Protein backbone atom coordinates (compact mmCIF):
# COMPACT_ATOMS: atom_id res chain seq x y z
CA MET A 1 0.14 -0.10 0.13
CA ASP A 2 1.25 3.44 -1.06
CA ILE A 3 1.20 6.66 0.82
CA ALA A 4 -0.73 9.50 -1.05
CA SER A 5 1.15 12.35 -2.53
CA ASN A 6 -0.44 14.33 -0.03
CA PRO A 7 -0.07 12.38 2.91
CA ILE A 8 -2.61 12.85 5.88
CA ILE A 9 -1.68 12.03 9.72
CA THR A 10 -4.15 12.00 12.20
CA LEU A 11 -3.25 12.61 15.99
CA THR A 12 -5.25 11.06 18.72
CA THR A 13 -3.90 11.74 22.10
CA ASP A 14 -4.67 12.42 26.03
CA PHE A 15 -2.20 15.96 25.84
CA GLY A 16 -5.12 18.17 26.18
CA LEU A 17 -4.52 21.91 25.08
CA GLN A 18 -3.10 23.95 27.48
CA ASP A 19 0.24 22.17 27.54
CA PRO A 20 2.65 22.57 24.48
CA TYR A 21 2.76 18.93 23.98
CA ALA A 22 0.57 18.74 20.84
CA GLY A 23 2.28 21.69 19.15
CA GLN A 24 5.57 19.99 19.87
CA LEU A 25 4.19 16.63 17.98
CA LYS A 26 3.04 18.73 15.02
CA GLY A 27 6.27 20.40 14.95
CA VAL A 28 8.23 17.16 14.40
CA LEU A 29 5.88 15.93 12.08
CA LEU A 30 6.07 18.78 9.85
CA SER A 31 9.79 19.15 10.05
CA GLY A 32 9.96 15.54 8.91
CA CYS A 33 7.44 15.74 6.10
CA PRO A 34 6.54 19.44 5.75
CA PHE A 35 3.86 18.72 2.88
CA ALA A 36 1.87 16.42 5.42
CA THR A 37 -1.55 17.31 6.30
CA ILE A 38 -2.11 17.11 9.93
CA ILE A 39 -5.63 16.42 11.42
CA ASP A 40 -6.56 16.34 15.20
CA ILE A 41 -9.10 13.63 15.79
CA THR A 42 -8.91 14.62 19.44
CA HIS A 43 -6.27 15.65 22.25
CA ALA A 44 -9.23 15.04 24.97
CA ILE A 45 -8.87 11.63 25.51
CA PRO A 46 -8.77 11.40 29.35
CA ALA A 47 -5.10 10.73 30.56
CA TRP A 48 -3.87 7.34 30.41
CA ASP A 49 -7.11 6.15 29.13
CA VAL A 50 -6.03 3.26 26.73
CA VAL A 51 -9.69 1.75 26.27
CA THR A 52 -11.09 5.31 25.09
CA ALA A 53 -8.29 5.83 22.73
CA ALA A 54 -8.74 2.47 21.34
CA ILE A 55 -12.43 2.95 21.00
CA THR A 56 -11.85 6.31 19.40
CA ILE A 57 -9.45 5.09 16.66
CA ARG A 58 -11.94 2.33 15.98
CA THR A 59 -14.69 4.51 15.41
CA SER A 60 -12.86 7.29 13.50
CA TYR A 61 -10.09 6.00 11.15
CA ALA A 62 -12.50 4.97 8.36
CA PHE A 63 -13.72 8.48 7.74
CA PHE A 64 -10.10 9.24 6.30
CA PRO A 65 -8.97 8.48 3.07
CA SER A 66 -7.10 5.28 2.06
CA GLY A 67 -3.35 5.75 2.99
CA SER A 68 -3.82 7.82 6.00
CA ILE A 69 -1.33 7.61 8.91
CA HIS A 70 -3.11 7.44 12.47
CA LEU A 71 -0.79 8.34 15.31
CA VAL A 72 -2.10 7.36 18.77
CA VAL A 73 -0.36 8.62 21.69
CA VAL A 74 -1.86 7.67 24.82
CA ASP A 75 1.10 6.29 26.72
CA PRO A 76 1.00 5.49 30.55
CA GLY A 77 3.87 3.09 30.26
CA VAL A 78 6.24 5.38 28.30
CA GLY A 79 9.85 4.68 29.02
CA GLY A 80 9.04 1.38 30.25
CA GLN A 81 9.43 -2.09 28.69
CA ARG A 82 6.37 -1.73 26.13
CA SER A 83 7.10 -1.70 22.48
CA ILE A 84 5.92 0.75 19.93
CA LEU A 85 4.08 -0.59 16.86
CA VAL A 86 3.48 0.27 13.37
CA ALA A 87 0.27 -1.62 11.91
CA VAL A 88 -0.97 -1.84 8.51
CA GLY A 89 -4.75 -2.75 7.80
CA ASP A 90 -7.88 -1.79 5.87
CA SER A 91 -5.63 0.45 3.55
CA HIS A 92 -4.54 2.75 6.49
CA PHE A 93 -1.47 2.65 8.76
CA PHE A 94 -1.55 2.89 12.52
CA ILE A 95 1.40 3.68 15.09
CA ALA A 96 0.74 3.54 18.86
CA PRO A 97 2.37 2.07 22.00
CA ASP A 98 1.60 -1.65 22.34
CA ASN A 99 -0.52 -1.23 25.32
CA GLY A 100 -3.91 -2.04 23.95
CA ILE A 101 -4.71 0.67 21.75
CA LEU A 102 -4.86 -1.55 18.66
CA SER A 103 -7.04 -4.24 20.55
CA LEU A 104 -10.30 -3.23 19.02
CA LEU A 105 -8.85 -3.01 15.47
CA VAL A 106 -7.34 -6.59 15.58
CA ALA A 107 -10.44 -7.85 16.87
CA ASP A 108 -12.61 -6.42 14.03
CA HIS A 109 -10.18 -8.36 11.84
CA LYS A 110 -8.94 -4.69 10.53
CA ILE A 111 -5.11 -5.18 11.10
CA ASP A 112 -3.25 -7.32 8.42
CA ARG A 113 0.43 -6.88 9.90
CA ILE A 114 2.32 -5.42 12.46
CA HIS A 115 5.89 -4.24 13.12
CA ARG A 116 7.70 -3.37 16.21
CA VAL A 117 9.57 -0.01 15.93
CA GLU A 118 13.34 -1.05 16.62
CA HIS A 119 15.58 0.98 14.39
CA PRO A 120 16.81 4.09 15.96
CA SER A 121 18.06 5.47 12.63
CA PHE A 122 14.60 7.14 12.57
CA PHE A 123 14.80 8.78 15.85
CA PRO A 124 17.08 12.01 17.04
CA ALA A 125 20.30 11.17 19.02
CA SER A 126 18.49 12.33 22.14
CA VAL A 127 15.21 10.70 22.94
CA SER A 128 13.38 11.41 26.21
CA PRO A 129 12.24 8.78 28.18
CA THR A 130 8.91 10.62 28.92
CA PHE A 131 8.07 11.64 25.56
CA HIS A 132 8.09 9.05 22.92
CA GLY A 133 5.30 10.44 21.24
CA ARG A 134 7.38 13.42 20.22
CA ASP A 135 10.75 11.59 19.82
CA ILE A 136 10.03 8.20 18.41
CA MET A 137 6.56 7.96 17.21
CA ALA A 138 6.31 11.41 15.58
CA PRO A 139 9.33 10.69 13.26
CA VAL A 140 8.30 7.21 12.55
CA ALA A 141 5.18 8.96 11.24
CA ALA A 142 7.07 11.49 9.17
CA ALA A 143 9.22 8.68 7.76
CA LEU A 144 6.25 6.71 6.88
CA ALA A 145 4.59 9.72 5.20
CA ASN A 146 8.05 10.30 3.17
CA GLY A 147 7.35 6.70 1.73
CA ARG A 148 9.18 4.39 4.18
CA ALA A 149 7.76 0.93 4.21
CA VAL A 150 6.61 -0.66 7.38
CA HIS A 151 9.52 -3.23 7.48
CA ASP A 152 12.03 -0.69 7.48
CA PHE A 153 11.16 0.12 11.02
CA GLY A 154 11.52 -3.17 12.39
CA ALA A 155 10.75 -6.96 12.61
CA ALA A 156 7.19 -8.06 11.87
CA VAL A 157 5.17 -9.40 15.01
CA SER A 158 2.29 -11.83 15.41
CA LEU A 159 -1.18 -10.29 15.92
CA GLN A 160 -1.28 -12.81 18.89
CA THR A 161 1.86 -11.33 20.68
CA ILE A 162 0.85 -7.86 21.14
CA HIS A 163 -1.62 -6.69 24.09
CA LEU A 164 -5.11 -7.29 23.41
CA THR A 165 -6.79 -7.60 26.69
CA ILE A 166 -8.56 -4.17 27.39
CA VAL A 167 -12.13 -4.52 26.77
CA PRO A 168 -14.47 -6.90 28.48
CA SER A 169 -16.90 -8.99 26.07
CA VAL A 170 -20.66 -8.58 25.92
CA VAL A 171 -21.82 -11.67 27.46
CA PRO A 172 -25.22 -12.80 25.47
CA GLU A 173 -28.00 -14.92 27.07
CA SER A 174 -31.10 -16.29 25.55
CA ASP A 175 -32.92 -13.12 26.39
CA SER A 176 -30.41 -10.55 27.55
CA LEU A 177 -27.18 -8.89 26.75
CA HIS A 178 -24.52 -8.15 29.71
CA GLY A 179 -22.23 -5.37 28.93
CA GLN A 180 -20.77 -2.28 30.29
CA VAL A 181 -20.30 1.38 29.86
CA GLN A 182 -16.89 2.14 28.22
CA ARG A 183 -16.66 6.08 27.98
CA ILE A 184 -18.84 9.21 28.56
CA ASP A 185 -18.55 11.90 25.90
CA HIS A 186 -18.84 15.63 26.41
CA PHE A 187 -22.56 15.64 26.38
CA GLY A 188 -23.02 12.98 29.13
CA ASN A 189 -23.85 10.30 26.80
CA LEU A 190 -22.72 6.93 27.82
CA ARG A 191 -21.49 4.60 25.33
CA THR A 192 -21.48 0.95 25.86
CA ASN A 193 -19.52 -2.15 24.62
CA ILE A 194 -23.01 -3.31 22.92
CA ARG A 195 -22.93 -3.03 19.40
CA ALA A 196 -25.87 -3.00 17.05
CA GLY A 197 -25.29 -6.59 15.93
CA HIS A 198 -25.36 -8.16 19.43
CA GLY A 199 -28.46 -10.24 19.75
CA HIS A 200 -30.13 -8.68 16.47
CA LEU A 201 -30.40 -5.70 18.94
CA GLU A 202 -33.16 -3.35 17.52
CA THR A 203 -36.28 -1.60 18.57
CA ALA A 204 -38.47 -4.65 17.96
CA SER A 205 -36.26 -6.70 20.30
CA PHE A 206 -35.58 -4.24 22.86
CA GLN A 207 -37.55 -4.76 26.17
CA PHE A 208 -35.52 -2.48 28.84
CA LEU A 209 -32.17 -1.73 30.22
CA ASP A 210 -31.06 -2.08 33.76
CA ILE A 211 -28.00 0.07 34.88
CA SER A 212 -27.16 1.13 38.48
CA GLY A 213 -30.36 -0.18 39.75
CA GLN A 214 -32.37 2.03 37.45
CA ARG A 215 -34.51 0.82 34.42
CA ILE A 216 -34.86 2.26 30.96
CA ALA A 217 -37.58 1.25 28.70
CA THR A 218 -37.50 3.87 25.88
CA PHE A 219 -35.50 2.68 22.65
CA ALA A 220 -35.49 5.47 20.20
CA ARG A 221 -34.25 6.39 17.01
CA THR A 222 -32.78 9.83 18.11
CA TYR A 223 -32.73 12.08 21.25
CA SER A 224 -35.55 14.64 20.09
CA GLU A 225 -37.96 11.41 20.40
CA VAL A 226 -38.45 11.94 24.00
CA ALA A 227 -39.26 14.88 26.23
CA PRO A 228 -36.23 17.25 27.26
CA GLY A 229 -34.50 15.42 30.34
CA ALA A 230 -36.02 12.02 29.62
CA LEU A 231 -33.72 9.10 29.49
CA LEU A 232 -33.64 7.01 26.42
CA VAL A 233 -31.38 4.20 24.85
CA LEU A 234 -30.46 4.39 21.25
CA ILE A 235 -27.94 3.14 18.53
CA ASP A 236 -25.30 5.82 18.30
CA SER A 237 -23.63 7.02 15.16
CA SER A 238 -20.76 4.57 15.50
CA SER A 239 -23.20 1.73 15.86
CA CYS A 240 -22.84 1.22 19.54
CA LEU A 241 -25.50 1.13 22.23
CA GLU A 242 -25.89 4.57 23.90
CA ILE A 243 -27.94 5.56 27.12
CA ALA A 244 -28.39 9.16 26.93
CA ALA A 245 -30.91 12.07 27.90
CA ASN A 246 -32.50 14.39 25.64
CA LEU A 247 -30.61 18.03 26.18
CA ALA A 248 -29.34 16.53 29.74
CA SER A 249 -26.51 14.57 30.65
CA ALA A 250 -27.43 10.99 31.43
CA ALA A 251 -24.11 10.27 33.21
CA GLU A 252 -25.11 12.99 35.65
CA ILE A 253 -28.74 11.83 35.97
CA LEU A 254 -28.00 8.11 36.62
CA GLY A 255 -24.57 8.85 38.68
CA CYS A 256 -22.78 6.43 36.25
CA ALA A 257 -19.17 5.94 35.49
CA PRO A 258 -17.18 4.06 33.08
CA GLY A 259 -16.96 0.36 33.80
CA ASP A 260 -20.67 0.13 35.39
CA ARG A 261 -22.43 -2.84 34.44
CA ILE A 262 -25.61 -2.88 32.39
CA THR A 263 -28.13 -5.57 31.14
CA VAL A 264 -30.22 -5.07 28.13
CA HIS A 265 -33.33 -7.26 28.36
CA LEU A 266 -34.71 -8.79 24.99
CA VAL A 267 -37.91 -10.05 23.61
CA PRO A 268 -37.54 -13.77 24.01
CA ALA A 269 -36.91 -15.86 20.70
CA ALA A 270 -40.01 -17.51 19.44
């Protein structure tokens, strides 16, 4: 797979915007590849939240052109023993620490091959042990944008050998689905790990949802189908089951947090 003549590099980090880290990352990328287009997916991943980073790149990368390079820097193990990976799949490139960020892409069978970043010729002589995103991952992304092949960075590794255990599985039963809240967005909507394909989930099969001792029985197509402040369940723009409130924060109403358990009760199969 070739990089386009006008390479796109996306950034997903937990850096926030009050510090210079995101700007430094972009400076290194443009120094290495001045003709690259850099797109911020988000710099608001909660600090050290690998699960949210994995969900974000899973649900975002496909909206970019083929050949895009996706740099994901959420790296609580920076400077430790974890590897840095370059992955290829679904006509895209991904650069991330080996800490679970690529788990969902592997689970979705979107990754074809992965290489471990090993060759220091791509890095500056002085690498900060606390900022591998700037000093290792960004130079690798720039080199990739300039046309270097993924095997130039290091040896291929098996998909089964990278860190893959970050997201609990949905547990299906004959008339229910057991999952959990994965993240809370800016609006207070609760995204869960249950997807539209689980249990043929749809309006006709949904009975009610239990969360934190509370029951929600409204399955809607969009937020405005219920009264302001009312709770509802819907399938969001990334095909995930979402618990929301119209013009209000479901997280505040329910007092919920990521990791909270949910049970979706379904109409029993005939």
